[in-house]
Amino acid sequence: LKEKIGSDKLREQGGLRIITTLDLKMQTAAEKAVVGRRL
């Protein structure tokens, strides 16, 4: 977002609602899948 809308809107103006693409269920699954693995 710093690249796309600029630091002024992101930090100096603020008050933004940033709706991301993240799926909470999938993110939880991803974080759980990498915990305690033998690497």
Full PDB file with SEQRES, HELIX, SHEET, SSBOND, CRYST1, ORIGX, SCALE, CONECT and MASTER records, all heavy atoms in Angstrom:
SEQRES   1 A   39  LEU LYS GLU LYS ILE GLY SER ASP LYS LEU ARG GLU GLN          
SEQRES   2 A   39  GLY GLY LEU ARG ILE ILE THR THR LEU ASP LEU LYS MET          
SEQRES   3 A   39  GLN THR ALA ALA GLU LYS ALA VAL VAL GLY ARG ARG LEU          
HELIX    1 AA1 SER A    7  SER A    7  1                                   1    
HELIX    2 AA2 ASP A    8  GLN A   13  3                                   6    
HELIX    3 AA3 LEU A   24  ALA A   33  1                                  10    
CRYST1    1.000    1.000    1.000  90.00  90.00  90.00 P 1           1          
ORIGX1      1.000000  0.000000  0.000000        0.00000                         
ORIGX2      0.000000  1.000000  0.000000        0.00000                         
ORIGX3      0.000000  0.000000  1.000000        0.00000                         
SCALE1      1.000000  0.000000  0.000000        0.00000                         
SCALE2      0.000000  1.000000  0.000000        0.00000                         
SCALE3      0.000000  0.000000  1.000000        0.00000                         
ATOM      1  N   LEU A   1       0.817  -1.208   0.000  1.00  0.00           N  
ATOM      2  CA  LEU A   1       0.000   0.000   0.000  1.00  0.00           C  
ATOM      3  C   LEU A   1       0.857   1.267   0.000  1.00  0.00           C  
ATOM      4  O   LEU A   1       0.444   2.296  -0.541  1.00  0.00           O  
ATOM      5  CB  LEU A   1      -0.935  -0.005   1.199  1.00  0.00           C  
ATOM      6  CG  LEU A   1      -2.089  -1.009   1.108  1.00  0.00           C  
ATOM      7  CD1 LEU A   1      -2.948  -0.952   2.367  1.00  0.00           C  
ATOM      8  CD2 LEU A   1      -2.948  -0.755  -0.125  1.00  0.00           C  
ATOM      9  N   LYS A   2       2.030   1.217   0.602  1.00  0.00           N  
ATOM     10  CA  LYS A   2       2.922   2.371   0.518  1.00  0.00           C  
ATOM     11  C   LYS A   2       3.250   2.689  -0.936  1.00  0.00           C  
ATOM     12  O   LYS A   2       3.351   3.850  -1.331  1.00  0.00           O  
ATOM     13  CB  LYS A   2       4.211   2.100   1.301  1.00  0.00           C  
ATOM     14  CG  LYS A   2       4.071   2.263   2.807  1.00  0.00           C  
ATOM     15  CD  LYS A   2       5.405   2.062   3.501  1.00  0.00           C  
ATOM     16  CE  LYS A   2       5.273   2.263   5.002  1.00  0.00           C  
ATOM     17  NZ  LYS A   2       6.566   2.039   5.703  1.00  0.00           N  
ATOM     18  N   GLU A   3       3.403   1.646  -1.724  1.00  0.00           N  
ATOM     19  CA  GLU A   3       3.710   1.830  -3.142  1.00  0.00           C  
ATOM     20  C   GLU A   3       2.484   2.282  -3.928  1.00  0.00           C  
ATOM     21  O   GLU A   3       2.585   3.127  -4.818  1.00  0.00           O  
ATOM     22  CB  GLU A   3       4.254   0.522  -3.728  1.00  0.00           C  
ATOM     23  CG  GLU A   3       4.509   0.576  -5.221  1.00  0.00           C  
ATOM     24  CD  GLU A   3       4.938  -0.776  -5.768  1.00  0.00           C  
ATOM     25  OE1 GLU A   3       5.362  -1.637  -4.990  1.00  0.00           O  
ATOM     26  OE2 GLU A   3       4.819  -0.973  -6.994  1.00  0.00           O  
ATOM     27  N   LYS A   4       1.318   1.730  -3.591  1.00  0.00           N  
ATOM     28  CA  LYS A   4       0.126   1.966  -4.400  1.00  0.00           C  
ATOM     29  C   LYS A   4      -0.617   3.251  -4.044  1.00  0.00           C  
ATOM     30  O   LYS A   4      -1.124   3.938  -4.923  1.00  0.00           O  
ATOM     31  CB  LYS A   4      -0.829   0.774  -4.292  1.00  0.00           C  
ATOM     32  CG  LYS A   4      -0.263  -0.520  -4.850  1.00  0.00           C  
ATOM     33  CD  LYS A   4       0.066  -0.404  -6.323  1.00  0.00           C  
ATOM     34  CE  LYS A   4       0.604  -1.714  -6.879  1.00  0.00           C  
ATOM     35  NZ  LYS A   4       0.963  -1.605  -8.316  1.00  0.00           N  
ATOM     36  N   ILE A   5      -0.746   3.564  -2.747  1.00  0.00           N  
ATOM     37  CA  ILE A   5      -1.512   4.755  -2.367  1.00  0.00           C  
ATOM     38  C   ILE A   5      -0.653   5.804  -1.678  1.00  0.00           C  
ATOM     39  O   ILE A   5      -1.118   6.918  -1.455  1.00  0.00           O  
ATOM     40  CB  ILE A   5      -2.710   4.391  -1.470  1.00  0.00           C  
ATOM     41  CG1 ILE A   5      -2.249   3.866  -0.110  1.00  0.00           C  
ATOM     42  CG2 ILE A   5      -3.612   3.382  -2.143  1.00  0.00           C  
ATOM     43  CD1 ILE A   5      -3.395   3.618   0.856  1.00  0.00           C  
ATOM     44  N   GLY A   6       0.584   5.460  -1.322  1.00  0.00           N  
ATOM     45  CA  GLY A   6       1.490   6.428  -0.731  1.00  0.00           C  
ATOM     46  C   GLY A   6       1.470   6.431   0.786  1.00  0.00           C  
ATOM     47  O   GLY A   6       0.463   6.118   1.413  1.00  0.00           O  
ATOM     48  N   SER A   7       2.596   6.822   1.367  1.00  0.00           N  
ATOM     49  CA  SER A   7       2.721   6.843   2.824  1.00  0.00           C  
ATOM     50  C   SER A   7       1.829   7.893   3.460  1.00  0.00           C  
ATOM     51  O   SER A   7       1.402   7.747   4.607  1.00  0.00           O  
ATOM     52  CB  SER A   7       4.179   7.108   3.220  1.00  0.00           C  
ATOM     53  OG  SER A   7       5.012   6.060   2.790  1.00  0.00           O  
ATOM     54  N   ASP A   8       1.536   8.984   2.714  1.00  0.00           N  
ATOM     55  CA  ASP A   8       0.743  10.053   3.324  1.00  0.00           C  
ATOM     56  C   ASP A   8      -0.653   9.576   3.677  1.00  0.00           C  
ATOM     57  O   ASP A   8      -1.162   9.833   4.768  1.00  0.00           O  
ATOM     58  CB  ASP A   8       0.678  11.271   2.398  1.00  0.00           C  
ATOM     59  CG  ASP A   8       0.152  10.923   1.013  1.00  0.00           C  
ATOM     60  OD1 ASP A   8       0.186   9.729   0.644  1.00  0.00           O  
ATOM     61  OD2 ASP A   8      -0.280  11.840   0.300  1.00  0.00           O  
ATOM     62  N   LYS A   9      -1.294   8.836   2.784  1.00  0.00           N  
ATOM     63  CA  LYS A   9      -2.633   8.344   3.077  1.00  0.00           C  
ATOM     64  C   LYS A   9      -2.596   7.226   4.114  1.00  0.00           C  
ATOM     65  O   LYS A   9      -3.482   7.117   4.953  1.00  0.00           O  
ATOM     66  CB  LYS A   9      -3.322   7.837   1.809  1.00  0.00           C  
ATOM     67  CG  LYS A   9      -3.810   8.941   0.908  1.00  0.00           C  
ATOM     68  CD  LYS A   9      -4.603   8.391  -0.264  1.00  0.00           C  
ATOM     69  CE  LYS A   9      -5.136   9.524  -1.125  1.00  0.00           C  
ATOM     70  NZ  LYS A   9      -5.844   9.037  -2.317  1.00  0.00           N  
ATOM     71  N   LEU A  10      -1.562   6.412   4.050  1.00  0.00           N  
ATOM     72  CA  LEU A  10      -1.505   5.256   4.938  1.00  0.00           C  
ATOM     73  C   LEU A  10      -1.148   5.651   6.359  1.00  0.00           C  
ATOM     74  O   LEU A  10      -1.707   5.120   7.317  1.00  0.00           O  
ATOM     75  CB  LEU A  10      -0.490   4.246   4.403  1.00  0.00           C  
ATOM     76  CG  LEU A  10      -0.417   2.903   5.114  1.00  0.00           C  
ATOM     77  CD1 LEU A  10      -1.753   2.179   5.041  1.00  0.00           C  
ATOM     78  CD2 LEU A  10       0.676   2.034   4.505  1.00  0.00           C  
ATOM     79  N   ARG A  11      -0.230   6.607   6.526  1.00  0.00           N  
ATOM     80  CA  ARG A  11       0.261   6.930   7.862  1.00  0.00           C  
ATOM     81  C   ARG A  11      -0.134   8.325   8.324  1.00  0.00           C  
ATOM     82  O   ARG A  11      -0.476   8.525   9.479  1.00  0.00           O  
ATOM     83  CB  ARG A  11       1.790   6.806   7.903  1.00  0.00           C  
ATOM     84  CG  ARG A  11       2.302   5.403   7.642  1.00  0.00           C  
ATOM     85  CD  ARG A  11       1.801   4.421   8.684  1.00  0.00           C  
ATOM     86  NE  ARG A  11       2.131   4.817  10.029  1.00  0.00           N  
ATOM     87  CZ  ARG A  11       3.284   4.538  10.634  1.00  0.00           C  
ATOM     88  NH1 ARG A  11       4.211   3.858   9.991  1.00  0.00           N  
ATOM     89  NH2 ARG A  11       3.514   4.927  11.871  1.00  0.00           N  
ATOM     90  N   GLU A  12      -0.059   9.317   7.447  1.00  0.00           N  
ATOM     91  CA  GLU A  12      -0.316  10.685   7.884  1.00  0.00           C  
ATOM     92  C   GLU A  12      -1.808  10.985   7.942  1.00  0.00           C  
ATOM     93  O   GLU A  12      -2.268  11.759   8.771  1.00  0.00           O  
ATOM     94  CB  GLU A  12       0.410  11.663   6.968  1.00  0.00           C  
ATOM     95  CG  GLU A  12       1.929  11.534   7.071  1.00  0.00           C  
ATOM     96  CD  GLU A  12       2.652  12.398   6.061  1.00  0.00           C  
ATOM     97  OE1 GLU A  12       2.052  13.367   5.561  1.00  0.00           O  
ATOM     98  OE2 GLU A  12       3.825  12.109   5.763  1.00  0.00           O  
ATOM     99  N   GLN A  13      -2.570  10.405   7.019  1.00  0.00           N  
ATOM    100  CA  GLN A  13      -4.020  10.567   7.089  1.00  0.00           C  
ATOM    101  C   GLN A  13      -4.627   9.469   7.937  1.00  0.00           C  
ATOM    102  O   GLN A  13      -5.324   9.714   8.902  1.00  0.00           O  
ATOM    103  CB  GLN A  13      -4.633  10.534   5.689  1.00  0.00           C  
ATOM    104  CG  GLN A  13      -6.156  10.539   5.692  1.00  0.00           C  
ATOM    105  CD  GLN A  13      -6.715  10.387   4.280  1.00  0.00           C  
ATOM    106  OE1 GLN A  13      -6.233  11.002   3.342  1.00  0.00           O  
ATOM    107  NE2 GLN A  13      -7.717   9.561   4.140  1.00  0.00           N  
ATOM    108  N   GLY A  14      -4.339   8.225   7.590  1.00  0.00           N  
ATOM    109  CA  GLY A  14      -4.814   7.099   8.376  1.00  0.00           C  
ATOM    110  C   GLY A  14      -6.319   6.974   8.369  1.00  0.00           C  
ATOM    111  O   GLY A  14      -7.014   7.467   7.490  1.00  0.00           O  
ATOM    112  N   GLY A  15      -6.818   6.284   9.385  1.00  0.00           N  
ATOM    113  CA  GLY A  15      -8.252   6.076   9.491  1.00  0.00           C  
ATOM    114  C   GLY A  15      -8.810   5.181   8.408  1.00  0.00           C  
ATOM    115  O   GLY A  15     -10.004   5.233   8.109  1.00  0.00           O  
ATOM    116  N   LEU A  16      -7.965   4.344   7.817  1.00  0.00           N  
ATOM    117  CA  LEU A  16      -8.381   3.528   6.687  1.00  0.00           C  
ATOM    118  C   LEU A  16      -8.859   2.145   7.154  1.00  0.00           C  
ATOM    119  O   LEU A  16      -8.376   1.608   8.147  1.00  0.00           O  
ATOM    120  CB  LEU A  16      -7.223   3.355   5.703  1.00  0.00           C  
ATOM    121  CG  LEU A  16      -6.576   4.638   5.182  1.00  0.00           C  
ATOM    122  CD1 LEU A  16      -5.435   4.292   4.231  1.00  0.00           C  
ATOM    123  CD2 LEU A  16      -7.607   5.526   4.489  1.00  0.00           C  
ATOM    124  N   ARG A  17      -9.798   1.603   6.411  1.00  0.00           N  
ATOM    125  CA  ARG A  17     -10.226   0.211   6.576  1.00  0.00           C  
ATOM    126  C   ARG A  17      -9.647  -0.555   5.392  1.00  0.00           C  
ATOM    127  O   ARG A  17     -10.071  -0.347   4.255  1.00  0.00           O  
ATOM    128  CB  ARG A  17     -11.752   0.106   6.586  1.00  0.00           C  
ATOM    129  CG  ARG A  17     -12.400   0.548   7.876  1.00  0.00           C  
ATOM    130  CD  ARG A  17     -13.924   0.523   7.757  1.00  0.00           C  
ATOM    131  NE  ARG A  17     -14.403  -0.739   7.204  1.00  0.00           N  
ATOM    132  CZ  ARG A  17     -14.675  -1.827   7.925  1.00  0.00           C  
ATOM    133  NH1 ARG A  17     -14.494  -1.807   9.229  1.00  0.00           N  
ATOM    134  NH2 ARG A  17     -15.124  -2.924   7.348  1.00  0.00           N  
ATOM    135  N   ILE A  18      -8.688  -1.418   5.675  1.00  0.00           N  
ATOM    136  CA  ILE A  18      -7.999  -2.155   4.618  1.00  0.00           C  
ATOM    137  C   ILE A  18      -8.534  -3.576   4.614  1.00  0.00           C  
ATOM    138  O   ILE A  18      -8.215  -4.378   5.504  1.00  0.00           O  
ATOM    139  CB  ILE A  18      -6.473  -2.119   4.854  1.00  0.00           C  
ATOM    140  CG1 ILE A  18      -5.983  -0.669   4.879  1.00  0.00           C  
ATOM    141  CG2 ILE A  18      -5.750  -2.924   3.790  1.00  0.00           C  
ATOM    142  CD1 ILE A  18      -4.688  -0.461   5.602  1.00  0.00           C  
ATOM    143  N   ILE A  19      -9.354  -3.879   3.632  1.00  0.00           N  
ATOM    144  CA  ILE A  19      -9.950  -5.205   3.518  1.00  0.00           C  
ATOM    145  C   ILE A  19      -9.017  -6.047   2.659  1.00  0.00           C  
ATOM    146  O   ILE A  19      -8.870  -5.812   1.464  1.00  0.00           O  
ATOM    147  CB  ILE A  19     -11.352  -5.156   2.881  1.00  0.00           C  
ATOM    148  CG1 ILE A  19     -12.206  -4.040   3.511  1.00  0.00           C  
ATOM    149  CG2 ILE A  19     -12.030  -6.501   3.019  1.00  0.00           C  
ATOM    150  CD1 ILE A  19     -12.391  -4.164   4.992  1.00  0.00           C  
ATOM    151  N   THR A  20      -8.364  -7.013   3.269  1.00  0.00           N  
ATOM    152  CA  THR A  20      -7.383  -7.827   2.564  1.00  0.00           C  
ATOM    153  C   THR A  20      -8.031  -9.088   2.000  1.00  0.00           C  
ATOM    154  O   THR A  20      -9.214  -9.348   2.199  1.00  0.00           O  
ATOM    155  CB  THR A  20      -6.233  -8.224   3.508  1.00  0.00           C  
ATOM    156  OG1 THR A  20      -6.709  -9.222   4.436  1.00  0.00           O  
ATOM    157  CG2 THR A  20      -5.711  -7.021   4.277  1.00  0.00           C  
ATOM    158  N   THR A  21      -7.222  -9.856   1.314  1.00  0.00           N  
ATOM    159  CA  THR A  21      -7.687 -11.113   0.717  1.00  0.00           C  
ATOM    160  C   THR A  21      -7.559 -12.288   1.678  1.00  0.00           C  
ATOM    161  O   THR A  21      -7.969 -13.409   1.335  1.00  0.00           O  
ATOM    162  CB  THR A  21      -6.862 -11.423  -0.537  1.00  0.00           C  
ATOM    163  OG1 THR A  21      -5.468 -11.512  -0.159  1.00  0.00           O  
ATOM    164  CG2 THR A  21      -7.022 -10.326  -1.589  1.00  0.00           C  
ATOM    165  N   LEU A  22      -7.011 -12.076   2.846  1.00  0.00           N  
ATOM    166  CA  LEU A  22      -6.690 -13.175   3.754  1.00  0.00           C  
ATOM    167  C   LEU A  22      -7.943 -13.925   4.198  1.00  0.00           C  
ATOM    168  O   LEU A  22      -8.949 -13.316   4.572  1.00  0.00           O  
ATOM    169  CB  LEU A  22      -5.957 -12.642   4.980  1.00  0.00           C  
ATOM    170  CG  LEU A  22      -5.281 -13.703   5.854  1.00  0.00           C  
ATOM    171  CD1 LEU A  22      -4.011 -14.192   5.185  1.00  0.00           C  
ATOM    172  CD2 LEU A  22      -4.944 -13.128   7.232  1.00  0.00           C  
ATOM    173  N   ASP A  23      -7.866 -15.242   4.163  1.00  0.00           N  
ATOM    174  CA  ASP A  23      -8.916 -16.115   4.677  1.00  0.00           C  
ATOM    175  C   ASP A  23      -8.444 -16.633   6.032  1.00  0.00           C  
ATOM    176  O   ASP A  23      -7.438 -17.336   6.116  1.00  0.00           O  
ATOM    177  CB  ASP A  23      -9.156 -17.270   3.708  1.00  0.00           C  
ATOM    178  CG  ASP A  23     -10.290 -18.182   4.142  1.00  0.00           C  
ATOM    179  OD1 ASP A  23     -10.181 -18.813   5.209  1.00  0.00           O  
ATOM    180  OD2 ASP A  23     -11.281 -18.281   3.407  1.00  0.00           O  
ATOM    181  N   LEU A  24      -9.167 -16.272   7.091  1.00  0.00           N  
ATOM    182  CA  LEU A  24      -8.702 -16.589   8.439  1.00  0.00           C  
ATOM    183  C   LEU A  24      -8.568 -18.090   8.661  1.00  0.00           C  
ATOM    184  O   LEU A  24      -7.602 -18.562   9.279  1.00  0.00           O  
ATOM    185  CB  LEU A  24      -9.646 -15.986   9.478  1.00  0.00           C  
ATOM    186  CG  LEU A  24      -9.234 -16.178  10.941  1.00  0.00           C  
ATOM    187  CD1 LEU A  24      -7.853 -15.610  11.208  1.00  0.00           C  
ATOM    188  CD2 LEU A  24     -10.259 -15.537  11.871  1.00  0.00           C  
ATOM    189  N   LYS A  25      -9.521 -18.866   8.158  1.00  0.00           N  
ATOM    190  CA  LYS A  25      -9.452 -20.314   8.335  1.00  0.00           C  
ATOM    191  C   LYS A  25      -8.214 -20.876   7.639  1.00  0.00           C  
ATOM    192  O   LYS A  25      -7.496 -21.716   8.203  1.00  0.00           O  
ATOM    193  CB  LYS A  25     -10.708 -20.966   7.773  1.00  0.00           C  
ATOM    194  CG  LYS A  25     -10.685 -22.483   7.856  1.00  0.00           C  
ATOM    195  CD  LYS A  25     -11.928 -23.103   7.229  1.00  0.00           C  
ATOM    196  CE  LYS A  25     -11.836 -24.637   7.215  1.00  0.00           C  
ATOM    197  NZ  LYS A  25     -13.018 -25.248   6.566  1.00  0.00           N  
ATOM    198  N   MET A  26      -7.935 -20.412   6.426  1.00  0.00           N  
ATOM    199  CA  MET A  26      -6.764 -20.914   5.707  1.00  0.00           C  
ATOM    200  C   MET A  26      -5.475 -20.451   6.360  1.00  0.00           C  
ATOM    201  O   MET A  26      -4.485 -21.203   6.412  1.00  0.00           O  
ATOM    202  CB  MET A  26      -6.828 -20.474   4.257  1.00  0.00           C  
ATOM    203  CG  MET A  26      -7.948 -21.129   3.459  1.00  0.00           C  
ATOM    204  SD  MET A  26      -7.729 -20.883   1.685  1.00  0.00           S  
ATOM    205  CE  MET A  26      -9.186 -21.726   1.050  1.00  0.00           C  
ATOM    206  N   GLN A  27      -5.458 -19.218   6.865  1.00  0.00           N  
ATOM    207  CA  GLN A  27      -4.255 -18.735   7.537  1.00  0.00           C  
ATOM    208  C   GLN A  27      -3.978 -19.546   8.794  1.00  0.00           C  
ATOM    209  O   GLN A  27      -2.832 -19.909   9.079  1.00  0.00           O  
ATOM    210  CB  GLN A  27      -4.407 -17.260   7.893  1.00  0.00           C  
ATOM    211  CG  GLN A  27      -3.216 -16.661   8.602  1.00  0.00           C  
ATOM    212  CD  GLN A  27      -1.964 -16.635   7.748  1.00  0.00           C  
ATOM    213  OE1 GLN A  27      -2.044 -16.602   6.516  1.00  0.00           O  
ATOM    214  NE2 GLN A  27      -0.804 -16.643   8.368  1.00  0.00           N  
ATOM    215  N   THR A  28      -5.017 -19.846   9.542  1.00  0.00           N  
ATOM    216  CA  THR A  28      -4.855 -20.677  10.735  1.00  0.00           C  
ATOM    217  C   THR A  28      -4.313 -22.050  10.365  1.00  0.00           C  
ATOM    218  O   THR A  28      -3.436 -22.603  11.041  1.00  0.00           O  
ATOM    219  CB  THR A  28      -6.198 -20.817  11.465  1.00  0.00           C  
ATOM    220  OG1 THR A  28      -6.678 -19.513  11.821  1.00  0.00           O  
ATOM    221  CG2 THR A  28      -6.051 -21.659  12.726  1.00  0.00           C  
ATOM    222  N   ALA A  29      -4.841 -22.609   9.265  1.00  0.00           N  
ATOM    223  CA  ALA A  29      -4.362 -23.916   8.804  1.00  0.00           C  
ATOM    224  C   ALA A  29      -2.894 -23.850   8.405  1.00  0.00           C  
ATOM    225  O   ALA A  29      -2.114 -24.779   8.677  1.00  0.00           O  
ATOM    226  CB  ALA A  29      -5.217 -24.399   7.639  1.00  0.00           C  
ATOM    227  N   ALA A  30      -2.496 -22.764   7.744  1.00  0.00           N  
ATOM    228  CA  ALA A  30      -1.103 -22.622   7.314  1.00  0.00           C  
ATOM    229  C   ALA A  30      -0.167 -22.534   8.513  1.00  0.00           C  
ATOM    230  O   ALA A  30       0.890 -23.186   8.551  1.00  0.00           O  
ATOM    231  CB  ALA A  30      -0.962 -21.385   6.433  1.00  0.00           C  
ATOM    232  N   GLU A  31      -0.534 -21.720   9.499  1.00  0.00           N  
ATOM    233  CA  GLU A  31       0.327 -21.566  10.666  1.00  0.00           C  
ATOM    234  C   GLU A  31       0.405 -22.856  11.471  1.00  0.00           C  
ATOM    235  O   GLU A  31       1.460 -23.190  12.019  1.00  0.00           O  
ATOM    236  CB  GLU A  31      -0.198 -20.406  11.514  1.00  0.00           C  
ATOM    237  CG  GLU A  31      -0.071 -19.059  10.812  1.00  0.00           C  
ATOM    238  CD  GLU A  31      -0.642 -17.914  11.616  1.00  0.00           C  
ATOM    239  OE1 GLU A  31      -1.165 -18.172  12.717  1.00  0.00           O  
ATOM    240  OE2 GLU A  31      -0.562 -16.762  11.146  1.00  0.00           O  
ATOM    241  N   LYS A  32      -0.690 -23.577  11.542  1.00  0.00           N  
ATOM    242  CA  LYS A  32      -0.683 -24.838  12.273  1.00  0.00           C  
ATOM    243  C   LYS A  32       0.157 -25.892  11.550  1.00  0.00           C  
ATOM    244  O   LYS A  32       0.852 -26.698  12.186  1.00  0.00           O  
ATOM    245  CB  LYS A  32      -2.117 -25.334  12.441  1.00  0.00           C  
ATOM    246  CG  LYS A  32      -2.239 -26.620  13.244  1.00  0.00           C  
ATOM    247  CD  LYS A  32      -3.699 -27.032  13.402  1.00  0.00           C  
ATOM    248  CE  LYS A  32      -3.830 -28.331  14.191  1.00  0.00           C  
ATOM    249  NZ  LYS A  32      -5.255 -28.745  14.336  1.00  0.00           N  
ATOM    250  N   ALA A  33       0.119 -25.879  10.205  1.00  0.00           N  
ATOM    251  CA  ALA A  33       0.825 -26.903   9.428  1.00  0.00           C  
ATOM    252  C   ALA A  33       2.336 -26.814   9.564  1.00  0.00           C  
ATOM    253  O   ALA A  33       3.035 -27.822   9.398  1.00  0.00           O  
ATOM    254  CB  ALA A  33       0.425 -26.796   7.952  1.00  0.00           C  
ATOM    255  N   VAL A  34       2.872 -25.619   9.865  1.00  0.00           N  
ATOM    256  CA  VAL A  34       4.331 -25.471   9.913  1.00  0.00           C  
ATOM    257  C   VAL A  34       4.893 -25.554  11.326  1.00  0.00           C  
ATOM    258  O   VAL A  34       6.112 -25.493  11.513  1.00  0.00           O  
ATOM    259  CB  VAL A  34       4.755 -24.131   9.267  1.00  0.00           C  
ATOM    260  CG1 VAL A  34       4.304 -24.061   7.816  1.00  0.00           C  
ATOM    261  CG2 VAL A  34       4.206 -22.941  10.049  1.00  0.00           C  
ATOM    262  N   VAL A  35       4.034 -25.700  12.319  1.00  0.00           N  
ATOM    263  CA  VAL A  35       4.503 -25.753  13.709  1.00  0.00           C  
ATOM    264  C   VAL A  35       5.012 -27.152  14.039  1.00  0.00           C  
ATOM    265  O   VAL A  35       4.362 -28.155  13.744  1.00  0.00           O  
ATOM    266  CB  VAL A  35       3.364 -25.372  14.679  1.00  0.00           C  
ATOM    267  CG1 VAL A  35       3.785 -25.639  16.126  1.00  0.00           C  
ATOM    268  CG2 VAL A  35       2.985 -23.915  14.507  1.00  0.00           C  
ATOM    269  N   GLY A  36       6.207 -27.209  14.630  1.00  0.00           N  
ATOM    270  CA  GLY A  36       6.738 -28.471  15.133  1.00  0.00           C  
ATOM    271  C   GLY A  36       7.148 -29.463  14.070  1.00  0.00           C  
ATOM    272  O   GLY A  36       7.259 -30.666  14.355  1.00  0.00           O  
ATOM    273  N   ARG A  37       7.379 -29.007  12.830  1.00  0.00           N  
ATOM    274  CA  ARG A  37       7.766 -29.949  11.767  1.00  0.00           C  
ATOM    275  C   ARG A  37       9.254 -30.260  11.842  1.00  0.00           C  
ATOM    276  O   ARG A  37      10.064 -29.439  12.273  1.00  0.00           O  
ATOM    277  CB  ARG A  37       7.436 -29.368  10.386  1.00  0.00           C  
ATOM    278  CG  ARG A  37       6.014 -28.888  10.222  1.00  0.00           C  
ATOM    279  CD  ARG A  37       4.968 -29.906  10.606  1.00  0.00           C  
ATOM    280  NE  ARG A  37       4.920 -31.065   9.768  1.00  0.00           N  
ATOM    281  CZ  ARG A  37       3.827 -31.501   9.133  1.00  0.00           C  
ATOM    282  NH1 ARG A  37       2.667 -30.842   9.269  1.00  0.00           N  
ATOM    283  NH2 ARG A  37       3.853 -32.591   8.406  1.00  0.00           N  
ATOM    284  N   ARG A  38       9.582 -31.465  11.406  1.00  0.00           N  
ATOM    285  CA  ARG A  38      10.991 -31.854  11.338  1.00  0.00           C  
ATOM    286  C   ARG A  38      11.565 -31.306  10.033  1.00  0.00           C  
ATOM    287  O   ARG A  38      11.168 -31.699   8.933  1.00  0.00           O  
ATOM    288  CB  ARG A  38      11.125 -33.374  11.385  1.00  0.00           C  
ATOM    289  CG  ARG A  38      12.576 -33.852  11.409  1.00  0.00           C  
ATOM    290  CD  ARG A  38      12.668 -35.327  11.736  1.00  0.00           C  
ATOM    291  NE  ARG A  38      14.050 -35.784  11.703  1.00  0.00           N  
ATOM    292  CZ  ARG A  38      14.591 -36.401  10.654  1.00  0.00           C  
ATOM    293  NH1 ARG A  38      13.852 -36.660   9.580  1.00  0.00           N  
ATOM    294  NH2 ARG A  38      15.857 -36.795  10.697  1.00  0.00           N  
ATOM    295  N   LEU A  39      12.498 -30.390  10.159  1.00  0.00           N  
ATOM    296  CA  LEU A  39      13.090 -29.722   9.010  1.00  0.00           C  
ATOM    297  C   LEU A  39      14.599 -29.898   9.034  1.00  0.00           C  
ATOM    298  O   LEU A  39      15.180 -30.258  10.066  1.00  0.00           O  
ATOM    299  CB  LEU A  39      12.756 -28.224   9.029  1.00  0.00           C  
ATOM    300  CG  LEU A  39      11.276 -27.831   8.937  1.00  0.00           C  
ATOM    301  CD1 LEU A  39      11.130 -26.328   9.082  1.00  0.00           C  
ATOM    302  CD2 LEU A  39      10.670 -28.298   7.622  1.00  0.00           C  
TER     303      LEU A  39                                                      
MASTER        0    0    0    3    0    0    0    6  302    1    0    3          
END                                                                             
